[in-house]
Amino acid sequence: MIDERTARQSSEEQAVQLLREAFGAEKIDEVDAR
């Protein structure tokens, strides 16, 4: 059994990882640096 909060965090983390893999972690890091 998983809490909604836990499931939400895991789904968001997976989405972030997919974005980083798709665009490249370096580009995202540069955007965060701004």
PDB file of N, CA and C in Angstrom:
ATOM      1  N   MET A   1       0.850  -1.201   0.000  1.00  0.00           N
ATOM      2  CA  MET A   1       0.000   0.000   0.000  1.00  0.00           C
ATOM      3  C   MET A   1       0.888   1.255   0.000  1.00  0.00           C
ATOM      4  N   ILE A   2       0.595   2.181  -0.898  1.00  0.00           N
ATOM      5  CA  ILE A   2       1.414   3.391  -1.027  1.00  0.00           C
ATOM      6  C   ILE A   2       0.556   4.628  -0.762  1.00  0.00           C
ATOM      7  N   ASP A   3       1.114   5.576  -0.018  1.00  0.00           N
ATOM      8  CA  ASP A   3       0.382   6.815   0.252  1.00  0.00           C
ATOM      9  C   ASP A   3       0.284   7.652  -1.021  1.00  0.00           C
ATOM     10  N   GLU A   4      -0.747   8.492  -1.116  1.00  0.00           N
ATOM     11  CA  GLU A   4      -0.855   9.372  -2.285  1.00  0.00           C
ATOM     12  C   GLU A   4       0.359  10.282  -2.357  1.00  0.00           C
ATOM     13  N   ARG A   5       0.804  10.762  -1.194  1.00  0.00           N
ATOM     14  CA  ARG A   5       1.953  11.669  -1.159  1.00  0.00           C
ATOM     15  C   ARG A   5       3.193  10.961  -1.686  1.00  0.00           C
ATOM     16  N   THR A   6       3.416   9.719  -1.237  1.00  0.00           N
ATOM     17  CA  THR A   6       4.591   8.967  -1.689  1.00  0.00           C
ATOM     18  C   THR A   6       4.497   8.698  -3.190  1.00  0.00           C
ATOM     19  N   ALA A   7       3.329   8.272  -3.653  1.00  0.00           N
ATOM     20  CA  ALA A   7       3.150   7.985  -5.075  1.00  0.00           C
ATOM     21  C   ALA A   7       3.379   9.248  -5.892  1.00  0.00           C
ATOM     22  N   ARG A   8       2.899  10.376  -5.385  1.00  0.00           N
ATOM     23  CA  ARG A   8       3.055  11.642  -6.104  1.00  0.00           C
ATOM     24  C   ARG A   8       4.534  11.990  -6.221  1.00  0.00           C
ATOM     25  N   GLN A   9       5.278  11.867  -5.125  1.00  0.00           N
ATOM     26  CA  GLN A   9       6.703  12.184  -5.153  1.00  0.00           C
ATOM     27  C   GLN A   9       7.420  11.256  -6.127  1.00  0.00           C
ATOM     28  N   SER A  10       7.123   9.965  -6.073  1.00  0.00           N
ATOM     29  CA  SER A  10       7.816   9.015  -6.941  1.00  0.00           C
ATOM     30  C   SER A  10       7.512   9.327  -8.408  1.00  0.00           C
ATOM     31  N   SER A  11       6.257   9.648  -8.706  1.00  0.00           N
ATOM     32  CA  SER A  11       5.898   9.956 -10.093  1.00  0.00           C
ATOM     33  C   SER A  11       6.615  11.211 -10.557  1.00  0.00           C
ATOM     34  N   GLU A  12       6.697  12.217  -9.679  1.00  0.00           N
ATOM     35  CA  GLU A  12       7.396  13.455 -10.052  1.00  0.00           C
ATOM     36  C   GLU A  12       8.872  13.176 -10.273  1.00  0.00           C
ATOM     37  N   GLU A  13       9.472  12.361  -9.396  1.00  0.00           N
ATOM     38  CA  GLU A  13      10.894  12.043  -9.541  1.00  0.00           C
ATOM     39  C   GLU A  13      11.136  11.326 -10.861  1.00  0.00           C
ATOM     40  N   GLN A  14      10.238  10.380 -11.208  1.00  0.00           N
ATOM     41  CA  GLN A  14      10.403   9.654 -12.469  1.00  0.00           C
ATOM     42  C   GLN A  14      10.316  10.622 -13.641  1.00  0.00           C
ATOM     43  N   ALA A  15       9.382  11.562 -13.572  1.00  0.00           N
ATOM     44  CA  ALA A  15       9.223  12.537 -14.657  1.00  0.00           C
ATOM     45  C   ALA A  15      10.485  13.377 -14.794  1.00  0.00           C
ATOM     46  N   VAL A  16      11.038  13.804 -13.655  1.00  0.00           N
ATOM     47  CA  VAL A  16      12.259  14.622 -13.685  1.00  0.00           C
ATOM     48  C   VAL A  16      13.400  13.824 -14.300  1.00  0.00           C
ATOM     49  N   GLN A  17      13.518  12.554 -13.909  1.00  0.00           N
ATOM     50  CA  GLN A  17      14.596  11.725 -14.457  1.00  0.00           C
ATOM     51  C   GLN A  17      14.433  11.581 -15.965  1.00  0.00           C
ATOM     52  N   LEU A  18      13.195  11.381 -16.417  1.00  0.00           N
ATOM     53  CA  LEU A  18      12.968  11.231 -17.854  1.00  0.00           C
ATOM     54  C   LEU A  18      13.367  12.516 -18.575  1.00  0.00           C
ATOM     55  N   LEU A  19      12.996  13.664 -18.002  1.00  0.00           N
ATOM     56  CA  LEU A  19      13.354  14.943 -18.635  1.00  0.00           C
ATOM     57  C   LEU A  19      14.864  15.090 -18.683  1.00  0.00           C
ATOM     58  N   ARG A  20      15.539  14.747 -17.579  1.00  0.00           N
ATOM     59  CA  ARG A  20      16.998  14.887 -17.549  1.00  0.00           C
ATOM     60  C   ARG A  20      17.633  13.985 -18.598  1.00  0.00           C
ATOM     61  N   GLU A  21      17.101  12.765 -18.737  1.00  0.00           N
ATOM     62  CA  GLU A  21      17.669  11.843 -19.728  1.00  0.00           C
ATOM     63  C   GLU A  21      17.385  12.353 -21.139  1.00  0.00           C
ATOM     64  N   ALA A  22      16.200  12.948 -21.335  1.00  0.00           N
ATOM     65  CA  ALA A  22      15.807  13.391 -22.674  1.00  0.00           C
ATOM     66  C   ALA A  22      16.597  14.626 -23.098  1.00  0.00           C
ATOM     67  N   PHE A  23      16.696  15.618 -22.222  1.00  0.00           N
ATOM     68  CA  PHE A  23      17.351  16.882 -22.583  1.00  0.00           C
ATOM     69  C   PHE A  23      18.807  16.908 -22.168  1.00  0.00           C
ATOM     70  N   GLY A  24      19.174  16.067 -21.234  1.00  0.00           N
ATOM     71  CA  GLY A  24      20.560  16.077 -20.758  1.00  0.00           C
ATOM     72  C   GLY A  24      20.649  16.792 -19.420  1.00  0.00           C
ATOM     73  N   ALA A  25      21.263  16.166 -18.436  1.00  0.00           N
ATOM     74  CA  ALA A  25      21.335  16.745 -17.089  1.00  0.00           C
ATOM     75  C   ALA A  25      22.058  18.082 -17.123  1.00  0.00           C
ATOM     76  N   GLU A  26      23.044  18.230 -18.009  1.00  0.00           N
ATOM     77  CA  GLU A  26      23.826  19.470 -18.046  1.00  0.00           C
ATOM     78  C   GLU A  26      22.934  20.661 -18.382  1.00  0.00           C
ATOM     79  N   LYS A  27      22.061  20.513 -19.376  1.00  0.00           N
ATOM     80  CA  LYS A  27      21.194  21.625 -19.771  1.00  0.00           C
ATOM     81  C   LYS A  27      20.289  22.015 -18.611  1.00  0.00           C
ATOM     82  N   ILE A  28      19.691  21.034 -17.937  1.00  0.00           N
ATOM     83  CA  ILE A  28      18.791  21.327 -16.819  1.00  0.00           C
ATOM     84  C   ILE A  28      19.570  22.009 -15.700  1.00  0.00           C
ATOM     85  N   ASP A  29      20.792  21.560 -15.451  1.00  0.00           N
ATOM     86  CA  ASP A  29      21.607  22.182 -14.405  1.00  0.00           C
ATOM     87  C   ASP A  29      21.853  23.643 -14.757  1.00  0.00           C
ATOM     88  N   GLU A  30      22.091  23.940 -16.028  1.00  0.00           N
ATOM     89  CA  GLU A  30      22.339  25.326 -16.433  1.00  0.00           C
ATOM     90  C   GLU A  30      21.096  26.170 -16.182  1.00  0.00           C
ATOM     91  N   VAL A  31      19.929  25.626 -16.480  1.00  0.00           N
ATOM     92  CA  VAL A  31      18.680  26.367 -16.268  1.00  0.00           C
ATOM     93  C   VAL A  31      18.490  26.618 -14.779  1.00  0.00           C
ATOM     94  N   ASP A  32      18.770  25.623 -13.941  1.00  0.00           N
ATOM     95  CA  ASP A  32      18.627  25.798 -12.495  1.00  0.00           C
ATOM     96  C   ASP A  32      19.611  26.851 -12.002  1.00  0.00           C
ATOM     97  N   ALA A  33      20.777  26.941 -12.622  1.00  0.00           N
ATOM     98  CA  ALA A  33      21.800  27.894 -12.183  1.00  0.00           C
ATOM     99  C   ALA A  33      21.285  29.321 -12.362  1.00  0.00           C
ATOM    100  N   ARG A  34      20.438  29.534 -13.372  1.00  0.00           N
ATOM    101  CA  ARG A  34      19.885  30.876 -13.585  1.00  0.00           C
ATOM    102  C   ARG A  34      19.023  31.256 -12.396  1.00  0.00           C
TER     103      ARG A  34
END
